[in-house]
Structures are given as structure tokens and as C-alpha cells.
């Protein structure tokens, strides 16, 4: 039984890597991370985004310096079409993965219930 699941997992991974969302993400990632400045900004952006999300999840107030820097980075990201395309492709891939996970969870009678915002 476990081997069947492992085989299905490998098939799912292969199918995901063939998906247009993944192909576009890899293409955009390679373009953006080829530039060291863009790569450094995206790394800082991602770290700050995670940090701010952690503040929100724990109910703590984020430091103003983090909020300000994140807003500055958002502005810088908007100036680069390549960075914007990368971030959009990343969101599309994350949505695909979230949809797959939601369907798997629901099929096991463990639905994911998301609060409305």
C-alpha cells in the first residue's frame, strides 16, 4: 500500500513539473535570479513578507521599520516587469499547489476551512 502511494506521489510530482504554471515559474525564476541585485531584493522581500505574516498569525504588532522597508521593496518590485512576472508566476504555482492539497484533503474527509477576510 505504501508503495502505491509513493508511486502516485512521484506521478503527481512529474505531472506538476509539466504544468504550465510550473514551467512559467521556472522560466521567470531563472530570469530574475540571474540578476544579483534582483535576487538580493527578492530574498529580502520574501524574508520580510514571512516575518510580517508571522506577526499577523501571532497577533503581535509588526515593527514599523519592517513595514516601511516592505513597502519600499514593494515599490521597487513594481518598477521591474521581470520581477512582477516572477512574483505573479509564483502566486499562480502556489495556487495550483493549494488547489491540489485542498482536493487531497477533502478526499480524505479532512477539508481545509479557510476563514474569510
N, C-alpha and C. Protein backbone atom coordinates (compact mmCIF):
# COMPACT_ATOMS: atom_id res chain seq x y z
N UNK A 1 0.83 -1.19 0.00
CA UNK A 1 0.00 0.00 0.00
C UNK A 1 0.87 1.25 0.00
N UNK A 2 1.88 1.31 0.86
CA UNK A 2 2.75 2.49 0.92
C UNK A 2 3.46 2.72 -0.41
N UNK A 3 3.82 1.64 -1.07
CA UNK A 3 4.50 1.76 -2.36
C UNK A 3 3.58 2.39 -3.39
N UNK A 4 2.27 2.03 -3.35
CA UNK A 4 1.31 2.63 -4.26
C UNK A 4 1.24 4.14 -4.06
N UNK A 5 1.24 4.57 -2.81
CA UNK A 5 1.20 6.00 -2.50
C UNK A 5 2.47 6.68 -2.99
N UNK A 6 3.61 6.04 -2.78
CA UNK A 6 4.87 6.63 -3.25
C UNK A 6 4.90 6.75 -4.76
N UNK A 7 4.37 5.74 -5.45
CA UNK A 7 4.32 5.82 -6.91
C UNK A 7 3.38 6.93 -7.37
N UNK A 8 2.25 7.06 -6.72
CA UNK A 8 1.30 8.11 -7.06
C UNK A 8 1.90 9.48 -6.77
N UNK A 9 2.62 9.57 -5.68
CA UNK A 9 3.30 10.82 -5.33
C UNK A 9 4.29 11.21 -6.42
N UNK A 10 5.08 10.26 -6.87
CA UNK A 10 6.06 10.53 -7.93
C UNK A 10 5.37 10.93 -9.23
N UNK A 11 4.23 10.30 -9.53
CA UNK A 11 3.48 10.66 -10.73
C UNK A 11 2.91 12.08 -10.61
N UNK A 12 2.44 12.42 -9.42
CA UNK A 12 1.91 13.77 -9.19
C UNK A 12 3.02 14.81 -9.35
N UNK A 13 4.18 14.53 -8.79
CA UNK A 13 5.31 15.45 -8.91
C UNK A 13 5.68 15.64 -10.38
N UNK A 14 5.73 14.55 -11.12
CA UNK A 14 6.06 14.64 -12.55
C UNK A 14 5.00 15.45 -13.30
N UNK A 15 3.73 15.24 -12.97
CA UNK A 15 2.66 15.98 -13.62
C UNK A 15 2.73 17.47 -13.28
N UNK A 16 3.02 17.77 -12.03
CA UNK A 16 3.15 19.17 -11.62
C UNK A 16 4.29 19.87 -12.36
N UNK A 17 5.38 19.16 -12.55
CA UNK A 17 6.52 19.75 -13.26
C UNK A 17 6.24 19.98 -14.74
N UNK A 18 5.23 19.31 -15.26
CA UNK A 18 4.81 19.51 -16.65
C UNK A 18 3.76 20.61 -16.78
N UNK A 19 3.19 21.03 -15.65
CA UNK A 19 2.12 22.02 -15.67
C UNK A 19 2.64 23.37 -16.18
N UNK A 20 1.83 24.09 -16.94
CA UNK A 20 2.25 25.41 -17.44
C UNK A 20 2.63 26.37 -16.31
N UNK A 21 1.94 26.26 -15.17
CA UNK A 21 2.25 27.14 -14.04
C UNK A 21 3.67 26.91 -13.54
N UNK A 22 4.07 25.66 -13.47
CA UNK A 22 5.43 25.35 -13.02
C UNK A 22 6.46 25.77 -14.07
N UNK A 23 6.18 25.48 -15.31
CA UNK A 23 7.11 25.83 -16.39
C UNK A 23 7.33 27.34 -16.43
N UNK A 24 6.25 28.10 -16.30
CA UNK A 24 6.37 29.56 -16.30
C UNK A 24 7.14 30.05 -15.08
N UNK A 25 6.86 29.46 -13.92
CA UNK A 25 7.57 29.83 -12.70
C UNK A 25 9.08 29.62 -12.86
N UNK A 26 9.49 28.48 -13.37
CA UNK A 26 10.92 28.18 -13.54
C UNK A 26 11.55 29.17 -14.51
N UNK A 27 10.85 29.45 -15.59
CA UNK A 27 11.36 30.39 -16.59
C UNK A 27 11.55 31.79 -15.97
N UNK A 28 10.53 32.26 -15.27
CA UNK A 28 10.61 33.59 -14.65
C UNK A 28 11.64 33.63 -13.52
N UNK A 29 11.72 32.57 -12.76
CA UNK A 29 12.70 32.49 -11.67
C UNK A 29 14.12 32.58 -12.21
N UNK A 30 14.38 31.84 -13.29
CA UNK A 30 15.71 31.84 -13.88
C UNK A 30 16.10 33.22 -14.39
N UNK A 31 15.13 33.92 -14.98
CA UNK A 31 15.41 35.27 -15.48
C UNK A 31 15.76 36.21 -14.33
N UNK A 32 14.91 36.22 -13.30
CA UNK A 32 15.08 37.17 -12.20
C UNK A 32 16.31 36.86 -11.35
N UNK A 33 16.54 35.59 -11.07
CA UNK A 33 17.65 35.24 -10.19
C UNK A 33 19.00 35.22 -10.91
N UNK A 34 18.97 35.47 -12.20
CA UNK A 34 20.21 35.65 -12.95
C UNK A 34 20.85 37.00 -12.64
N UNK A 35 20.04 37.93 -12.18
CA UNK A 35 20.50 39.27 -11.82
C UNK A 35 20.70 39.32 -10.31
N UNK A 36 21.92 39.57 -9.87
CA UNK A 36 22.23 39.50 -8.44
C UNK A 36 21.49 40.55 -7.62
N UNK A 37 21.24 41.72 -8.20
CA UNK A 37 20.51 42.76 -7.46
C UNK A 37 19.06 42.33 -7.26
N UNK A 38 18.42 41.87 -8.32
CA UNK A 38 17.03 41.39 -8.21
C UNK A 38 16.95 40.23 -7.23
N UNK A 39 17.90 39.32 -7.30
CA UNK A 39 17.90 38.16 -6.41
C UNK A 39 17.99 38.60 -4.95
N UNK A 40 18.87 39.55 -4.66
CA UNK A 40 19.02 40.03 -3.28
C UNK A 40 17.75 40.73 -2.80
N UNK A 41 17.15 41.56 -3.67
CA UNK A 41 15.92 42.25 -3.29
C UNK A 41 14.78 41.27 -3.05
N UNK A 42 14.68 40.26 -3.91
CA UNK A 42 13.62 39.26 -3.74
C UNK A 42 13.81 38.44 -2.47
N UNK A 43 15.04 38.16 -2.13
CA UNK A 43 15.30 37.41 -0.90
C UNK A 43 14.89 38.24 0.32
N UNK A 44 15.26 39.51 0.31
CA UNK A 44 14.87 40.38 1.41
C UNK A 44 13.35 40.54 1.47
N UNK A 45 12.73 40.70 0.31
CA UNK A 45 11.28 40.84 0.21
C UNK A 45 10.59 39.60 0.79
N UNK A 46 11.04 38.44 0.40
CA UNK A 46 10.45 37.19 0.86
C UNK A 46 10.61 37.03 2.38
N UNK A 47 11.79 37.35 2.88
CA UNK A 47 12.04 37.25 4.32
C UNK A 47 11.13 38.19 5.11
N UNK A 48 11.01 39.43 4.62
CA UNK A 48 10.15 40.39 5.30
C UNK A 48 8.68 39.99 5.22
N UNK A 49 8.28 39.47 4.08
CA UNK A 49 6.90 39.03 3.90
C UNK A 49 6.58 37.92 4.92
N UNK A 50 7.47 36.97 5.06
CA UNK A 50 7.27 35.89 6.02
C UNK A 50 7.23 36.43 7.44
N UNK A 51 8.12 37.34 7.75
CA UNK A 51 8.18 37.93 9.09
C UNK A 51 6.88 38.66 9.41
N UNK A 52 6.37 39.45 8.46
CA UNK A 52 5.13 40.18 8.68
C UNK A 52 3.94 39.23 8.81
N UNK A 53 3.95 38.15 8.05
CA UNK A 53 2.89 37.15 8.16
C UNK A 53 2.92 36.47 9.53
N UNK A 54 4.11 36.23 10.04
CA UNK A 54 4.24 35.61 11.36
C UNK A 54 3.69 36.55 12.44
N UNK A 55 3.97 37.85 12.30
CA UNK A 55 3.40 38.82 13.25
C UNK A 55 1.88 38.73 13.21
N UNK A 56 1.31 38.70 12.00
CA UNK A 56 -0.14 38.66 11.85
C UNK A 56 -0.73 37.39 12.46
N UNK A 57 -0.07 36.26 12.24
CA UNK A 57 -0.56 34.99 12.76
C UNK A 57 -0.54 34.93 14.29
N UNK A 58 0.46 35.56 14.88
CA UNK A 58 0.59 35.52 16.34
C UNK A 58 -0.14 36.66 17.03
N UNK A 59 -0.69 37.58 16.23
CA UNK A 59 -1.42 38.70 16.81
C UNK A 59 -0.53 39.79 17.36
N UNK A 60 0.75 39.70 17.09
CA UNK A 60 1.67 40.73 17.56
C UNK A 60 1.75 41.86 16.54
N UNK A 61 2.12 43.03 17.02
CA UNK A 61 2.25 44.17 16.13
C UNK A 61 3.64 44.16 15.50
N UNK A 62 3.66 44.32 14.19
CA UNK A 62 4.92 44.32 13.45
C UNK A 62 5.68 45.61 13.74
N UNK A 63 7.00 45.50 13.63
CA UNK A 63 7.84 46.69 13.81
C UNK A 63 7.64 47.62 12.62
N UNK A 64 7.54 48.91 12.92
CA UNK A 64 7.30 49.90 11.86
C UNK A 64 8.42 49.88 10.82
N UNK A 65 9.64 49.64 11.24
CA UNK A 65 10.76 49.61 10.29
C UNK A 65 10.59 48.47 9.28
N UNK A 66 10.05 47.34 9.73
CA UNK A 66 9.80 46.22 8.82
C UNK A 66 8.69 46.57 7.83
N UNK A 67 7.64 47.20 8.32
CA UNK A 67 6.53 47.59 7.45
C UNK A 67 7.00 48.59 6.40
N UNK A 68 7.76 49.58 6.83
CA UNK A 68 8.27 50.60 5.92
C UNK A 68 9.18 49.99 4.87
N UNK A 69 10.08 49.13 5.28
CA UNK A 69 11.00 48.51 4.33
C UNK A 69 10.25 47.61 3.35
N UNK A 70 9.24 46.90 3.83
CA UNK A 70 8.45 46.05 2.96
C UNK A 70 7.72 46.89 1.91
N UNK A 71 7.18 48.03 2.33
CA UNK A 71 6.52 48.94 1.39
C UNK A 71 7.51 49.48 0.36
N UNK A 72 8.72 49.80 0.80
CA UNK A 72 9.75 50.27 -0.14
C UNK A 72 10.09 49.19 -1.15
N UNK A 73 10.25 47.98 -0.67
CA UNK A 73 10.56 46.87 -1.57
C UNK A 73 9.43 46.60 -2.55
N UNK A 74 8.19 46.74 -2.08
CA UNK A 74 7.05 46.59 -2.97
C UNK A 74 7.14 47.59 -4.12
N UNK A 75 7.50 48.82 -3.80
CA UNK A 75 7.65 49.84 -4.82
C UNK A 75 8.75 49.49 -5.81
N UNK A 76 9.86 48.99 -5.31
CA UNK A 76 10.97 48.60 -6.19
C UNK A 76 10.56 47.43 -7.08
N UNK A 77 9.81 46.48 -6.52
CA UNK A 77 9.38 45.32 -7.30
C UNK A 77 8.47 45.76 -8.45
N UNK A 78 7.65 46.77 -8.18
CA UNK A 78 6.70 47.23 -9.20
C UNK A 78 7.41 47.88 -10.38
N UNK A 79 8.63 48.35 -10.18
CA UNK A 79 9.37 49.02 -11.25
C UNK A 79 9.96 48.04 -12.26
N UNK A 80 10.08 46.79 -11.88
CA UNK A 80 10.70 45.80 -12.75
C UNK A 80 9.66 44.84 -13.32
N UNK A 81 9.44 44.87 -14.63
CA UNK A 81 8.49 43.93 -15.23
C UNK A 81 8.89 42.47 -14.99
N UNK A 82 10.19 42.19 -14.98
CA UNK A 82 10.65 40.81 -14.77
C UNK A 82 10.32 40.33 -13.35
N UNK A 83 10.52 41.21 -12.38
CA UNK A 83 10.22 40.83 -11.00
C UNK A 83 8.72 40.64 -10.81
N UNK A 84 7.93 41.52 -11.41
CA UNK A 84 6.48 41.37 -11.34
C UNK A 84 6.02 40.07 -11.97
N UNK A 85 6.59 39.73 -13.12
CA UNK A 85 6.24 38.48 -13.79
C UNK A 85 6.62 37.28 -12.94
N UNK A 86 7.78 37.36 -12.29
CA UNK A 86 8.21 36.26 -11.40
C UNK A 86 7.24 36.09 -10.24
N UNK A 87 6.90 37.20 -9.57
CA UNK A 87 6.01 37.10 -8.41
C UNK A 87 4.63 36.58 -8.82
N UNK A 88 4.14 37.02 -9.97
CA UNK A 88 2.85 36.53 -10.45
C UNK A 88 2.91 35.03 -10.76
N UNK A 89 3.99 34.59 -11.39
CA UNK A 89 4.13 33.16 -11.69
C UNK A 89 4.24 32.34 -10.41
N UNK A 90 4.86 32.89 -9.40
CA UNK A 90 4.98 32.20 -8.11
C UNK A 90 3.61 32.04 -7.46
N UNK A 91 2.80 33.09 -7.50
CA UNK A 91 1.45 33.04 -6.94
C UNK A 91 0.59 32.02 -7.69
N UNK A 92 0.72 31.99 -9.00
CA UNK A 92 -0.06 31.02 -9.80
C UNK A 92 0.33 29.58 -9.45
N UNK A 93 1.62 29.34 -9.28
CA UNK A 93 2.06 27.99 -8.90
C UNK A 93 1.59 27.65 -7.49
N UNK A 94 1.68 28.60 -6.57
CA UNK A 94 1.21 28.35 -5.21
C UNK A 94 -0.28 28.06 -5.19
N UNK A 95 -1.05 28.73 -6.03
CA UNK A 95 -2.49 28.46 -6.11
C UNK A 95 -2.74 27.05 -6.62
N UNK A 96 -2.00 26.65 -7.65
CA UNK A 96 -2.14 25.28 -8.16
C UNK A 96 -1.86 24.26 -7.06
N UNK A 97 -0.77 24.46 -6.33
CA UNK A 97 -0.41 23.53 -5.25
C UNK A 97 -1.46 23.54 -4.13
N UNK A 98 -1.98 24.71 -3.81
CA UNK A 98 -3.01 24.81 -2.78
C UNK A 98 -4.28 24.08 -3.22
N UNK A 99 -4.63 24.21 -4.49
CA UNK A 99 -5.81 23.51 -5.00
C UNK A 99 -5.63 22.00 -4.93
N UNK A 100 -4.45 21.52 -5.29
CA UNK A 100 -4.17 20.08 -5.22
C UNK A 100 -4.26 19.61 -3.77
N UNK A 101 -3.64 20.35 -2.87
CA UNK A 101 -3.67 19.96 -1.46
C UNK A 101 -5.09 19.97 -0.92
N UNK A 102 -5.88 20.95 -1.31
CA UNK A 102 -7.26 21.03 -0.84
C UNK A 102 -8.07 19.83 -1.34
N UNK A 103 -7.86 19.45 -2.59
CA UNK A 103 -8.59 18.30 -3.14
C UNK A 103 -8.16 17.00 -2.45
N UNK A 104 -6.87 16.86 -2.17
CA UNK A 104 -6.39 15.68 -1.46
C UNK A 104 -6.98 15.62 -0.05
N UNK A 105 -6.98 16.76 0.63
CA UNK A 105 -7.52 16.81 1.98
C UNK A 105 -9.00 16.48 2.01
N UNK A 106 -9.74 17.06 1.08
CA UNK A 106 -11.18 16.80 1.01
C UNK A 106 -11.46 15.34 0.71
N UNK A 107 -10.65 14.71 -0.12
CA UNK A 107 -10.88 13.31 -0.46
C UNK A 107 -10.64 12.39 0.73
N UNK A 108 -9.91 12.88 1.71
CA UNK A 108 -9.65 12.10 2.94
C UNK A 108 -10.53 12.57 4.09
N UNK A 109 -11.62 13.27 3.75
CA UNK A 109 -12.55 13.79 4.75
C UNK A 109 -11.87 14.69 5.77
N UNK A 110 -10.90 15.46 5.29
CA UNK A 110 -10.19 16.41 6.13
C UNK A 110 -10.12 17.74 5.39
N UNK A 111 -11.29 18.35 5.17
CA UNK A 111 -11.30 19.58 4.38
C UNK A 111 -10.56 20.72 5.08
N UNK A 112 -9.99 21.58 4.28
CA UNK A 112 -9.32 22.76 4.80
C UNK A 112 -10.33 23.89 4.81
N UNK A 113 -10.57 24.42 5.96
CA UNK A 113 -11.54 25.51 6.08
C UNK A 113 -10.78 26.79 6.28
N UNK A 114 -10.93 27.67 5.30
CA UNK A 114 -10.23 28.95 5.34
C UNK A 114 -11.19 30.02 5.83
N UNK A 115 -10.75 30.84 6.78
CA UNK A 115 -11.61 31.94 7.23
C UNK A 115 -11.72 32.99 6.12
N UNK A 116 -12.84 33.64 6.07
CA UNK A 116 -12.98 34.71 5.08
C UNK A 116 -12.32 35.97 5.61
N UNK A 117 -11.83 36.77 4.70
CA UNK A 117 -11.16 38.03 5.10
C UNK A 117 -12.05 39.20 4.82
